[in-house]
């Protein structure tokens, strides 16, 4: 039996994934968490075989939580389950130590296979993840080296702005204050040498961080 800890800040999403996972007789969801801190607490308490983490969570996102889990247990096996298809998220998740990366639009069979692969310490990537790694190996956009200097949260805010989200919407979705989001925006503008949201959109498109 593969014991899974699910982490997603939307309870309905967790419930749906749990139902799908437990259709397989060899997979069982033994814990749930709504943010990064709760994920770490749950992991310490139940020591699951696989941590299924969303990218976008309050307090600590999925990439940051992956890093922290591996600090707690270097053998932690993490599968990222996300709505974000952007290539850079997949690259960062894998660099952080995640063994798997799939989007929530994947098939039931692929989700089951992803959990089994990660439980067996084998890497599993959806098409988006494979595309991300291939793109990274081939080259990357003109701002690839600049993107490396962004924190995970700064990258997240950049992509959300490029998709047309307002500061208040980003703050609500990430569980942050609007002033905090403005601070992240200011930092990424300085790091990337950009002036405004139009520049952010252009940079994101040029570097394949979001789709047209």
N, C-alpha and C. Protein backbone atom coordinates (compact mmCIF):
# COMPACT_ATOMS: atom_id res chain seq x y z
N UNK A 1 0.83 -1.20 0.00
CA UNK A 1 0.00 0.00 0.00
C UNK A 1 0.87 1.25 0.00
N UNK A 2 0.58 2.18 -0.90
CA UNK A 2 1.31 3.44 -0.98
C UNK A 2 0.52 4.50 -0.23
N UNK A 3 1.12 5.04 0.83
CA UNK A 3 0.47 6.06 1.65
C UNK A 3 0.84 7.46 1.13
N UNK A 4 -0.20 8.27 0.88
CA UNK A 4 0.00 9.58 0.26
C UNK A 4 -0.49 10.69 1.19
N UNK A 5 0.32 11.77 1.25
CA UNK A 5 -0.09 13.01 1.91
C UNK A 5 -0.42 14.02 0.82
N UNK A 6 -1.65 14.55 0.82
CA UNK A 6 -2.09 15.52 -0.19
C UNK A 6 -2.03 16.92 0.39
N UNK A 7 -1.44 17.85 -0.35
CA UNK A 7 -1.36 19.24 0.09
C UNK A 7 -1.89 20.16 -1.01
N UNK A 8 -3.00 20.83 -0.70
CA UNK A 8 -3.61 21.78 -1.63
C UNK A 8 -4.50 22.69 -0.78
N UNK A 9 -4.50 23.97 -1.07
CA UNK A 9 -5.26 24.89 -0.23
C UNK A 9 -6.76 24.90 -0.54
N UNK A 10 -7.19 24.13 -1.52
CA UNK A 10 -8.62 24.02 -1.83
C UNK A 10 -9.13 22.64 -1.40
N UNK A 11 -10.02 22.63 -0.43
CA UNK A 11 -10.49 21.35 0.12
C UNK A 11 -11.23 20.52 -0.92
N UNK A 12 -11.98 21.17 -1.82
CA UNK A 12 -12.71 20.42 -2.84
C UNK A 12 -11.75 19.74 -3.81
N UNK A 13 -10.65 20.42 -4.11
CA UNK A 13 -9.64 19.82 -5.00
C UNK A 13 -9.01 18.61 -4.32
N UNK A 14 -8.66 18.76 -3.03
CA UNK A 14 -8.08 17.63 -2.30
C UNK A 14 -9.04 16.45 -2.29
N UNK A 15 -10.31 16.73 -2.06
CA UNK A 15 -11.31 15.66 -2.02
C UNK A 15 -11.39 14.94 -3.36
N UNK A 16 -11.39 15.72 -4.44
CA UNK A 16 -11.47 15.12 -5.77
C UNK A 16 -10.26 14.25 -6.09
N UNK A 17 -9.07 14.76 -5.76
CA UNK A 17 -7.85 13.97 -6.02
C UNK A 17 -7.83 12.72 -5.16
N UNK A 18 -8.27 12.86 -3.90
CA UNK A 18 -8.31 11.70 -3.01
C UNK A 18 -9.21 10.60 -3.57
N UNK A 19 -10.39 10.99 -4.03
CA UNK A 19 -11.33 10.02 -4.60
C UNK A 19 -10.70 9.30 -5.78
N UNK A 20 -10.04 10.07 -6.65
CA UNK A 20 -9.40 9.48 -7.83
C UNK A 20 -8.27 8.54 -7.43
N UNK A 21 -7.43 8.99 -6.51
CA UNK A 21 -6.30 8.16 -6.09
C UNK A 21 -6.76 6.84 -5.49
N UNK A 22 -7.79 6.91 -4.67
CA UNK A 22 -8.21 5.71 -3.94
C UNK A 22 -9.07 4.77 -4.76
N UNK A 23 -9.25 5.11 -6.04
CA UNK A 23 -9.85 4.13 -6.95
C UNK A 23 -8.88 2.99 -7.22
N UNK A 24 -7.61 3.26 -6.98
CA UNK A 24 -6.59 2.22 -7.13
C UNK A 24 -6.42 1.51 -5.80
N UNK A 25 -6.48 0.19 -5.77
CA UNK A 25 -6.43 -0.55 -4.49
C UNK A 25 -5.09 -0.47 -3.78
N UNK A 26 -4.05 0.00 -4.47
CA UNK A 26 -2.73 0.05 -3.84
C UNK A 26 -2.33 1.44 -3.37
N UNK A 27 -3.27 2.40 -3.44
CA UNK A 27 -2.97 3.78 -3.03
C UNK A 27 -3.98 4.24 -1.99
N UNK A 28 -3.47 4.87 -0.93
CA UNK A 28 -4.34 5.34 0.15
C UNK A 28 -3.88 6.73 0.59
N UNK A 29 -4.81 7.68 0.72
CA UNK A 29 -4.51 9.01 1.23
C UNK A 29 -4.60 8.98 2.74
N UNK A 30 -3.48 9.22 3.41
CA UNK A 30 -3.43 9.10 4.87
C UNK A 30 -3.37 10.45 5.57
N UNK A 31 -3.23 11.52 4.80
CA UNK A 31 -3.17 12.84 5.41
C UNK A 31 -3.44 13.93 4.40
N UNK A 32 -3.93 15.07 4.90
CA UNK A 32 -4.21 16.22 4.03
C UNK A 32 -3.70 17.49 4.68
N UNK A 33 -3.27 18.44 3.86
CA UNK A 33 -2.77 19.72 4.37
C UNK A 33 -3.21 20.84 3.43
N UNK A 34 -3.34 22.04 3.99
CA UNK A 34 -3.83 23.17 3.19
C UNK A 34 -2.76 24.21 2.90
N UNK A 35 -1.58 24.08 3.52
CA UNK A 35 -0.49 25.00 3.22
C UNK A 35 0.85 24.33 3.51
N UNK A 36 1.93 25.05 3.26
CA UNK A 36 3.25 24.46 3.41
C UNK A 36 3.58 24.05 4.83
N UNK A 37 3.27 24.91 5.79
CA UNK A 37 3.59 24.60 7.19
C UNK A 37 2.85 23.36 7.65
N UNK A 38 1.56 23.29 7.32
CA UNK A 38 0.77 22.12 7.72
C UNK A 38 1.31 20.85 7.04
N UNK A 39 1.79 20.99 5.82
CA UNK A 39 2.38 19.85 5.12
C UNK A 39 3.58 19.30 5.89
N UNK A 40 4.44 20.20 6.35
CA UNK A 40 5.63 19.77 7.10
C UNK A 40 5.22 19.09 8.41
N UNK A 41 4.23 19.66 9.10
CA UNK A 41 3.76 19.06 10.36
C UNK A 41 3.17 17.67 10.12
N UNK A 42 2.36 17.56 9.06
CA UNK A 42 1.74 16.27 8.73
C UNK A 42 2.80 15.24 8.35
N UNK A 43 3.80 15.68 7.59
CA UNK A 43 4.84 14.75 7.16
C UNK A 43 5.58 14.18 8.37
N UNK A 44 5.93 15.05 9.31
CA UNK A 44 6.63 14.59 10.51
C UNK A 44 5.79 13.58 11.29
N UNK A 45 4.47 13.78 11.27
CA UNK A 45 3.57 12.93 12.07
C UNK A 45 3.31 11.57 11.44
N UNK A 46 3.17 11.54 10.10
CA UNK A 46 2.72 10.28 9.48
C UNK A 46 3.74 9.63 8.55
N UNK A 47 4.80 10.36 8.15
CA UNK A 47 5.84 9.80 7.28
C UNK A 47 5.25 9.05 6.08
N UNK A 48 4.57 9.76 5.19
CA UNK A 48 3.95 9.11 4.02
C UNK A 48 4.99 8.61 3.03
N UNK A 49 4.56 7.74 2.14
CA UNK A 49 5.45 7.27 1.07
C UNK A 49 5.63 8.33 0.00
N UNK A 50 4.56 9.11 -0.26
CA UNK A 50 4.59 10.14 -1.30
C UNK A 50 3.88 11.39 -0.79
N UNK A 51 4.48 12.54 -1.05
CA UNK A 51 3.82 13.81 -0.79
C UNK A 51 3.33 14.38 -2.10
N UNK A 52 2.02 14.53 -2.25
CA UNK A 52 1.44 15.12 -3.45
C UNK A 52 1.14 16.59 -3.20
N UNK A 53 1.95 17.49 -3.75
CA UNK A 53 1.89 18.91 -3.41
C UNK A 53 1.44 19.77 -4.57
N UNK A 54 0.58 20.75 -4.27
CA UNK A 54 0.24 21.77 -5.25
C UNK A 54 1.36 22.81 -5.28
N UNK A 55 1.52 23.51 -6.40
CA UNK A 55 2.50 24.59 -6.48
C UNK A 55 2.04 25.80 -5.68
N UNK A 56 0.79 26.21 -5.88
CA UNK A 56 0.29 27.44 -5.27
C UNK A 56 -0.39 27.15 -3.94
N UNK A 57 0.31 27.48 -2.84
CA UNK A 57 -0.24 27.33 -1.50
C UNK A 57 0.17 28.52 -0.66
N UNK A 58 -0.64 28.90 0.35
CA UNK A 58 -0.25 30.00 1.24
C UNK A 58 0.97 29.63 2.07
N UNK A 59 1.61 30.65 2.64
CA UNK A 59 2.76 30.52 3.53
C UNK A 59 4.00 30.03 2.79
N UNK A 60 4.00 28.78 2.34
CA UNK A 60 5.07 28.26 1.50
C UNK A 60 4.45 27.59 0.29
N UNK A 61 4.95 27.89 -0.90
CA UNK A 61 4.40 27.22 -2.07
C UNK A 61 4.98 25.81 -2.19
N UNK A 62 4.56 25.10 -3.23
CA UNK A 62 4.97 23.70 -3.37
C UNK A 62 6.46 23.51 -3.54
N UNK A 63 7.11 24.45 -4.24
CA UNK A 63 8.55 24.33 -4.45
C UNK A 63 9.31 24.54 -3.14
N UNK A 64 8.92 25.59 -2.41
CA UNK A 64 9.56 25.85 -1.11
C UNK A 64 9.31 24.70 -0.14
N UNK A 65 8.10 24.16 -0.15
CA UNK A 65 7.76 23.06 0.75
C UNK A 65 8.56 21.81 0.40
N UNK A 66 8.76 21.57 -0.89
CA UNK A 66 9.58 20.44 -1.32
C UNK A 66 10.99 20.55 -0.74
N UNK A 67 11.58 21.73 -0.84
CA UNK A 67 12.92 21.94 -0.29
C UNK A 67 12.94 21.66 1.21
N UNK A 68 11.93 22.15 1.92
CA UNK A 68 11.87 21.96 3.37
C UNK A 68 11.66 20.50 3.74
N UNK A 69 10.83 19.80 2.97
CA UNK A 69 10.62 18.37 3.23
C UNK A 69 11.92 17.59 3.09
N UNK A 70 12.69 17.95 2.09
CA UNK A 70 13.95 17.24 1.88
C UNK A 70 14.99 17.61 2.94
N UNK A 71 14.84 18.78 3.54
CA UNK A 71 15.70 19.12 4.69
C UNK A 71 15.35 18.23 5.88
N UNK A 72 14.04 17.97 6.05
CA UNK A 72 13.59 17.10 7.14
C UNK A 72 13.98 15.65 6.87
N UNK A 73 13.74 15.22 5.64
CA UNK A 73 14.00 13.83 5.25
C UNK A 73 14.56 13.81 3.83
N UNK A 74 15.86 13.62 3.68
CA UNK A 74 16.47 13.62 2.33
C UNK A 74 15.89 12.57 1.39
N UNK A 75 15.18 11.59 1.93
CA UNK A 75 14.58 10.56 1.09
C UNK A 75 13.09 10.81 0.82
N UNK A 76 12.61 12.00 1.18
CA UNK A 76 11.21 12.34 0.92
C UNK A 76 10.93 12.28 -0.58
N UNK A 77 9.80 11.72 -0.93
CA UNK A 77 9.43 11.52 -2.34
C UNK A 77 8.22 12.40 -2.66
N UNK A 78 8.47 13.40 -3.50
CA UNK A 78 7.47 14.43 -3.76
C UNK A 78 6.99 14.38 -5.20
N UNK A 79 5.67 14.44 -5.35
CA UNK A 79 5.02 14.56 -6.66
C UNK A 79 4.28 15.89 -6.68
N UNK A 80 4.61 16.75 -7.63
CA UNK A 80 3.91 18.03 -7.76
C UNK A 80 2.66 17.82 -8.62
N UNK A 81 1.51 18.19 -8.05
CA UNK A 81 0.22 18.14 -8.75
C UNK A 81 -0.26 19.58 -8.89
N UNK A 82 -0.32 20.10 -10.10
CA UNK A 82 -0.56 21.53 -10.23
C UNK A 82 -1.45 21.89 -11.41
N UNK A 83 -2.03 23.07 -11.32
CA UNK A 83 -2.78 23.63 -12.44
C UNK A 83 -1.86 24.45 -13.34
N UNK A 84 -0.62 24.70 -12.89
CA UNK A 84 0.30 25.56 -13.64
C UNK A 84 1.07 24.74 -14.68
N UNK A 85 0.82 24.96 -15.99
CA UNK A 85 1.57 24.22 -17.01
C UNK A 85 2.88 24.89 -17.41
N UNK A 86 3.16 26.10 -16.85
CA UNK A 86 4.33 26.84 -17.30
C UNK A 86 5.62 26.05 -17.08
N UNK A 87 6.49 26.13 -18.05
CA UNK A 87 7.71 25.33 -18.05
C UNK A 87 8.59 25.61 -16.84
N UNK A 88 8.70 26.89 -16.47
CA UNK A 88 9.66 27.24 -15.44
C UNK A 88 9.29 26.63 -14.10
N UNK A 89 7.99 26.45 -13.84
CA UNK A 89 7.57 25.80 -12.59
C UNK A 89 8.06 24.36 -12.54
N UNK A 90 7.94 23.67 -13.66
CA UNK A 90 8.40 22.28 -13.69
C UNK A 90 9.90 22.20 -13.44
N UNK A 91 10.66 23.08 -14.08
CA UNK A 91 12.10 23.09 -13.90
C UNK A 91 12.46 23.34 -12.45
N UNK A 92 11.80 24.33 -11.83
CA UNK A 92 12.11 24.66 -10.44
C UNK A 92 11.72 23.54 -9.49
N UNK A 93 10.59 22.91 -9.75
CA UNK A 93 10.17 21.81 -8.88
C UNK A 93 11.16 20.66 -8.93
N UNK A 94 11.64 20.34 -10.12
CA UNK A 94 12.60 19.25 -10.26
C UNK A 94 13.94 19.62 -9.63
N UNK A 95 14.35 20.87 -9.80
CA UNK A 95 15.60 21.32 -9.19
C UNK A 95 15.50 21.31 -7.67
N UNK A 96 14.29 21.55 -7.15
CA UNK A 96 14.09 21.55 -5.70
C UNK A 96 14.14 20.14 -5.12
N UNK A 97 14.00 19.13 -5.99
CA UNK A 97 14.09 17.76 -5.51
C UNK A 97 12.86 16.91 -5.72
N UNK A 98 11.81 17.49 -6.34
CA UNK A 98 10.62 16.69 -6.63
C UNK A 98 10.96 15.59 -7.63
N UNK A 99 10.38 14.42 -7.45
CA UNK A 99 10.60 13.31 -8.38
C UNK A 99 9.59 13.31 -9.52
N UNK A 100 8.44 13.93 -9.30
CA UNK A 100 7.41 13.92 -10.32
C UNK A 100 6.75 15.27 -10.48
N UNK A 101 6.21 15.52 -11.68
CA UNK A 101 5.52 16.77 -11.98
C UNK A 101 4.42 16.48 -12.98
N UNK A 102 3.17 16.65 -12.57
CA UNK A 102 2.04 16.47 -13.49
C UNK A 102 1.01 17.56 -13.24
N UNK A 103 0.20 17.84 -14.25
CA UNK A 103 -0.87 18.81 -14.09
C UNK A 103 -2.17 18.10 -13.72
N UNK A 104 -3.08 18.87 -13.13
CA UNK A 104 -4.31 18.27 -12.62
C UNK A 104 -5.28 17.85 -13.72
N UNK A 105 -4.96 18.19 -14.97
CA UNK A 105 -5.78 17.75 -16.09
C UNK A 105 -5.39 16.38 -16.60
N UNK A 106 -4.46 15.74 -15.93
CA UNK A 106 -3.98 14.44 -16.38
C UNK A 106 -5.04 13.37 -16.21
N UNK A 107 -4.87 12.23 -16.88
CA UNK A 107 -5.83 11.14 -16.77
C UNK A 107 -5.67 10.42 -15.44
N UNK A 108 -6.71 9.68 -15.06
CA UNK A 108 -6.67 8.90 -13.81
C UNK A 108 -5.52 7.89 -13.85
N UNK A 109 -5.36 7.22 -14.99
CA UNK A 109 -4.31 6.20 -15.10
C UNK A 109 -2.93 6.82 -14.95
N UNK A 110 -2.74 8.02 -15.55
CA UNK A 110 -1.44 8.67 -15.45
C UNK A 110 -1.16 9.12 -14.02
N UNK A 111 -2.19 9.60 -13.32
CA UNK A 111 -2.03 10.01 -11.93
C UNK A 111 -1.61 8.82 -11.07
N UNK A 112 -2.27 7.68 -11.25
CA UNK A 112 -1.91 6.47 -10.49
C UNK A 112 -0.47 6.05 -10.80
N UNK A 113 -0.12 6.09 -12.07
CA UNK A 113 1.24 5.69 -12.47
C UNK A 113 2.29 6.65 -11.91
N UNK A 114 1.93 7.94 -11.85
CA UNK A 114 2.85 8.92 -11.29
C UNK A 114 3.13 8.64 -9.82
N UNK A 115 2.08 8.35 -9.07
CA UNK A 115 2.24 8.04 -7.63
C UNK A 115 3.09 6.78 -7.45
N UNK A 116 2.81 5.76 -8.25
CA UNK A 116 3.58 4.51 -8.12
C UNK A 116 5.06 4.74 -8.48
N UNK A 117 5.30 5.51 -9.53
CA UNK A 117 6.69 5.76 -9.93
C UNK A 117 7.45 6.52 -8.86
N UNK A 118 6.85 7.57 -8.33
CA UNK A 118 7.51 8.37 -7.30
C UNK A 118 7.72 7.54 -6.03
N UNK A 119 6.75 6.69 -5.68
CA UNK A 119 6.90 5.82 -4.51
C UNK A 119 8.07 4.86 -4.69
N UNK A 120 8.35 4.51 -5.94
CA UNK A 120 9.47 3.61 -6.24
C UNK A 120 10.76 4.38 -6.50
N UNK A 121 10.74 5.69 -6.19
CA UNK A 121 11.89 6.57 -6.38
C UNK A 121 12.31 6.68 -7.85
N UNK A 122 11.30 6.67 -8.73
CA UNK A 122 11.54 6.87 -10.15
C UNK A 122 10.91 8.18 -10.58
N UNK A 123 11.57 8.89 -11.48
CA UNK A 123 11.03 10.16 -11.93
C UNK A 123 9.83 9.95 -12.85
N UNK A 124 8.84 10.84 -12.71
CA UNK A 124 7.66 10.78 -13.57
C UNK A 124 7.29 12.20 -13.97
N UNK A 125 7.23 12.45 -15.28
CA UNK A 125 6.89 13.77 -15.79
C UNK A 125 5.72 13.69 -16.76
N UNK A 126 4.79 14.62 -16.63
CA UNK A 126 3.75 14.76 -17.64
C UNK A 126 4.37 15.36 -18.89
N UNK A 127 3.57 15.53 -19.93
CA UNK A 127 4.10 16.13 -21.16
C UNK A 127 4.67 17.51 -20.90
N UNK A 128 4.00 18.29 -20.00
CA UNK A 128 4.48 19.63 -19.70
C UNK A 128 5.86 19.58 -19.04
N UNK A 129 6.03 18.61 -18.14
CA UNK A 129 7.31 18.48 -17.46
C UNK A 129 8.41 18.07 -18.40
N UNK A 130 8.12 17.14 -19.29
CA UNK A 130 9.12 16.71 -20.28
C UNK A 130 9.49 17.88 -21.18
N UNK A 131 8.47 18.64 -21.61
CA UNK A 131 8.71 19.79 -22.46
C UNK A 131 9.58 20.82 -21.74
N UNK A 132 9.33 21.00 -20.44
CA UNK A 132 10.11 21.96 -19.67
C UNK A 132 11.57 21.58 -19.61
N UNK A 133 11.83 20.33 -19.32
CA UNK A 133 13.21 19.87 -19.22
C UNK A 133 13.91 19.95 -20.57
N UNK A 134 13.20 19.53 -21.63
CA UNK A 134 13.78 19.58 -22.97
C UNK A 134 14.12 21.01 -23.36
N UNK A 135 13.18 21.92 -23.10
CA UNK A 135 13.41 23.33 -23.43
C UNK A 135 14.61 23.86 -22.67
N UNK A 136 14.69 23.51 -21.40
CA UNK A 136 15.80 23.99 -20.58
C UNK A 136 17.14 23.47 -21.10
N UNK A 137 17.17 22.21 -21.48
CA UNK A 137 18.42 21.62 -21.97
C UNK A 137 18.84 22.23 -23.30
N UNK A 138 17.85 22.57 -24.13
CA UNK A 138 18.17 23.10 -25.45
C UNK A 138 18.70 24.53 -25.39
N UNK A 139 18.03 25.35 -24.55
CA UNK A 139 18.49 26.74 -24.48
C UNK A 139 17.81 27.53 -23.39
N UNK A 140 16.51 27.79 -23.59
CA UNK A 140 15.83 28.72 -22.69
C UNK A 140 15.72 30.06 -23.39
N UNK A 141 14.87 30.93 -22.86
CA UNK A 141 14.65 32.23 -23.48
C UNK A 141 15.79 33.18 -23.22
N UNK A 142 15.70 34.38 -23.79
CA UNK A 142 16.77 35.35 -23.65
C UNK A 142 16.99 35.81 -22.22
N UNK A 143 15.99 35.63 -21.35
CA UNK A 143 16.14 36.06 -19.97
C UNK A 143 16.34 34.91 -19.00
N UNK A 144 16.78 33.76 -19.51
CA UNK A 144 16.90 32.57 -18.67
C UNK A 144 17.78 32.79 -17.45
N UNK A 145 18.92 33.46 -17.63
CA UNK A 145 19.83 33.67 -16.51
C UNK A 145 19.22 34.62 -15.49
N UNK A 146 18.42 35.59 -15.95
CA UNK A 146 17.75 36.51 -15.03
C UNK A 146 16.68 35.80 -14.21
N UNK A 147 15.97 34.87 -14.85
CA UNK A 147 14.92 34.12 -14.16
C UNK A 147 15.50 33.33 -13.00
N UNK A 148 16.71 32.83 -13.19
CA UNK A 148 17.38 32.06 -12.13
C UNK A 148 17.50 32.85 -10.84
N UNK A 149 17.59 34.19 -10.96
CA UNK A 149 17.79 35.03 -9.79
C UNK A 149 16.50 35.35 -9.05
N UNK A 150 15.36 34.98 -9.61
CA UNK A 150 14.09 35.21 -8.95
C UNK A 150 13.82 34.14 -7.90
N UNK A 151 13.20 34.55 -6.81
CA UNK A 151 12.74 33.56 -5.84
C UNK A 151 11.52 32.85 -6.41
N UNK A 152 11.14 31.74 -5.80
CA UNK A 152 9.96 31.01 -6.27
C UNK A 152 8.72 31.89 -6.21
N UNK A 153 8.57 32.66 -5.13
CA UNK A 153 7.40 33.51 -4.99
C UNK A 153 7.41 34.65 -5.99
N UNK A 154 8.59 35.23 -6.27
CA UNK A 154 8.68 36.29 -7.26
C UNK A 154 8.29 35.77 -8.64
N UNK A 155 8.73 34.57 -8.97
CA UNK A 155 8.35 33.98 -10.26
C UNK A 155 6.85 33.75 -10.33
N UNK A 156 6.30 33.29 -9.23
CA UNK A 156 4.86 33.04 -9.18
C UNK A 156 4.08 34.33 -9.41
N UNK A 157 4.49 35.40 -8.74
CA UNK A 157 3.82 36.70 -8.91
C UNK A 157 3.99 37.21 -10.34
N UNK A 158 5.17 37.05 -10.90
CA UNK A 158 5.42 37.47 -12.28
C UNK A 158 4.44 36.80 -13.25
N UNK A 159 4.31 35.49 -13.13
CA UNK A 159 3.45 34.73 -14.04
C UNK A 159 1.98 35.12 -13.86
N UNK A 160 1.57 35.38 -12.62
CA UNK A 160 0.18 35.75 -12.38
C UNK A 160 -0.13 37.13 -12.94
N UNK A 161 0.83 38.06 -12.80
CA UNK A 161 0.65 39.39 -13.41
C UNK A 161 0.56 39.26 -14.92
N UNK A 162 1.44 38.43 -15.50
CA UNK A 162 1.45 38.25 -16.96
C UNK A 162 0.14 37.63 -17.45
N UNK A 163 -0.54 36.88 -16.59
CA UNK A 163 -1.84 36.31 -16.98
C UNK A 163 -3.00 37.26 -16.70
N UNK A 164 -2.68 38.52 -16.31
CA UNK A 164 -3.70 39.54 -16.17
C UNK A 164 -4.32 39.66 -14.79
N UNK A 165 -3.74 39.01 -13.80
CA UNK A 165 -4.28 39.10 -12.43
C UNK A 165 -3.92 40.44 -11.80
N UNK A 166 -4.87 41.02 -11.06
CA UNK A 166 -4.61 42.23 -10.31
C UNK A 166 -3.94 41.89 -8.98
N UNK A 167 -3.28 42.88 -8.38
CA UNK A 167 -2.55 42.65 -7.12
C UNK A 167 -3.46 42.07 -6.05
N UNK A 168 -4.66 42.62 -5.92
CA UNK A 168 -5.58 42.13 -4.89
C UNK A 168 -5.99 40.68 -5.14
N UNK A 169 -6.12 40.29 -6.41
CA UNK A 169 -6.47 38.91 -6.75
C UNK A 169 -5.31 37.97 -6.44
N UNK A 170 -4.10 38.42 -6.75
CA UNK A 170 -2.92 37.60 -6.46
C UNK A 170 -2.78 37.41 -4.96
N UNK A 171 -2.97 38.50 -4.21
CA UNK A 171 -2.86 38.43 -2.76
C UNK A 171 -3.86 37.43 -2.17
N UNK A 172 -5.08 37.49 -2.66
CA UNK A 172 -6.11 36.59 -2.16
C UNK A 172 -5.79 35.13 -2.47
N UNK A 173 -5.34 34.87 -3.70
CA UNK A 173 -5.06 33.49 -4.11
C UNK A 173 -3.86 32.91 -3.36
N UNK A 174 -2.86 33.74 -3.08
CA UNK A 174 -1.65 33.25 -2.43
C UNK A 174 -1.72 33.35 -0.91
N UNK A 175 -2.79 33.94 -0.39
CA UNK A 175 -2.91 34.08 1.06
C UNK A 175 -1.94 35.10 1.62
N UNK A 176 -1.67 36.16 0.84
CA UNK A 176 -0.74 37.20 1.25
C UNK A 176 -1.45 38.55 1.31
N UNK A 177 -0.80 39.53 1.94
CA UNK A 177 -1.32 40.88 1.92
C UNK A 177 -0.98 41.55 0.61
N UNK A 178 -1.80 42.52 0.21
CA UNK A 178 -1.57 43.23 -1.05
C UNK A 178 -0.21 43.94 -1.03
N UNK A 179 0.17 44.50 0.14
CA UNK A 179 1.47 45.18 0.23
C UNK A 179 2.62 44.21 0.03
N UNK A 180 2.45 42.98 0.52
CA UNK A 180 3.49 41.97 0.34
C UNK A 180 3.65 41.62 -1.14
N UNK A 181 2.52 41.47 -1.83
CA UNK A 181 2.58 41.19 -3.27
C UNK A 181 3.24 42.34 -4.01
N UNK A 182 2.93 43.57 -3.62
CA UNK A 182 3.57 44.74 -4.24
C UNK A 182 5.08 44.71 -4.02
N UNK A 183 5.50 44.24 -2.83
CA UNK A 183 6.93 44.13 -2.54
C UNK A 183 7.59 43.13 -3.47
N UNK A 184 6.93 41.97 -3.66
CA UNK A 184 7.47 40.96 -4.60
C UNK A 184 7.53 41.52 -6.01
N UNK A 185 6.51 42.26 -6.40
CA UNK A 185 6.50 42.86 -7.74
C UNK A 185 7.67 43.83 -7.89
N UNK A 186 7.90 44.66 -6.89
CA UNK A 186 8.99 45.61 -6.95
C UNK A 186 10.34 44.92 -7.06
N UNK A 187 10.51 43.83 -6.32
CA UNK A 187 11.77 43.09 -6.37
C UNK A 187 12.02 42.49 -7.74
N UNK A 188 10.97 41.88 -8.31
CA UNK A 188 11.20 41.22 -9.61
C UNK A 188 11.43 42.26 -10.71
N UNK A 189 10.79 43.43 -10.60
CA UNK A 189 11.06 44.49 -11.57
C UNK A 189 12.52 44.91 -11.52
N UNK A 190 13.06 45.07 -10.29
CA UNK A 190 14.46 45.47 -10.15
C UNK A 190 15.41 44.39 -10.67
N UNK A 191 15.13 43.14 -10.32
CA UNK A 191 16.01 42.05 -10.71
C UNK A 191 16.04 41.85 -12.23
N UNK A 192 14.90 42.09 -12.87
CA UNK A 192 14.80 41.85 -14.31
C UNK A 192 15.04 43.11 -15.14
N UNK A 193 15.19 44.26 -14.46
CA UNK A 193 15.41 45.51 -15.18
C UNK A 193 14.18 45.95 -15.95
N UNK A 194 12.98 45.70 -15.39
CA UNK A 194 11.72 46.05 -16.04
C UNK A 194 11.11 47.28 -15.37
N UNK A 195 10.14 47.90 -16.05
CA UNK A 195 9.56 49.15 -15.53
C UNK A 195 8.12 49.01 -15.08
N UNK A 196 7.33 48.16 -15.73
CA UNK A 196 5.90 48.12 -15.45
C UNK A 196 5.31 46.77 -15.83
N UNK A 197 3.99 46.64 -15.68
CA UNK A 197 3.33 45.37 -15.96
C UNK A 197 3.38 44.99 -17.44
N UNK A 198 3.40 45.98 -18.31
CA UNK A 198 3.52 45.67 -19.75
C UNK A 198 4.86 45.00 -20.02
N UNK A 199 5.92 45.49 -19.38
CA UNK A 199 7.23 44.86 -19.52
C UNK A 199 7.22 43.45 -18.96
N UNK A 200 6.52 43.26 -17.84
CA UNK A 200 6.42 41.93 -17.23
C UNK A 200 5.77 40.96 -18.21
N UNK A 201 4.68 41.39 -18.82
CA UNK A 201 3.98 40.52 -19.78
C UNK A 201 4.88 40.16 -20.95
N UNK A 202 5.57 41.15 -21.48
CA UNK A 202 6.45 40.93 -22.62
C UNK A 202 7.57 39.95 -22.24
N UNK A 203 8.16 40.15 -21.07
CA UNK A 203 9.24 39.28 -20.60
C UNK A 203 8.73 37.85 -20.43
N UNK A 204 7.55 37.71 -19.84
CA UNK A 204 6.99 36.37 -19.61
C UNK A 204 6.73 35.64 -20.92
N UNK A 205 6.18 36.34 -21.91
CA UNK A 205 5.92 35.72 -23.21
C UNK A 205 7.23 35.36 -23.93
N UNK A 206 8.19 36.28 -23.89
CA UNK A 206 9.47 36.05 -24.57
C UNK A 206 10.21 34.84 -24.01
N UNK A 207 10.00 34.56 -22.73
CA UNK A 207 10.71 33.47 -22.08
C UNK A 207 9.82 32.24 -21.83
N UNK A 208 8.68 32.19 -22.52
CA UNK A 208 7.78 31.03 -22.48
C UNK A 208 7.33 30.71 -21.06
N UNK A 209 7.19 31.75 -20.22
CA UNK A 209 6.69 31.52 -18.87
C UNK A 209 5.16 31.41 -18.86
N UNK A 210 4.53 32.06 -19.81
CA UNK A 210 3.07 31.94 -20.00
C UNK A 210 2.84 31.79 -21.49
N UNK A 211 1.66 31.28 -21.83
CA UNK A 211 1.31 31.07 -23.24
C UNK A 211 0.54 32.27 -23.77
N UNK A 212 0.67 32.54 -25.07
CA UNK A 212 -0.12 33.59 -25.71
C UNK A 212 -1.57 33.20 -25.72
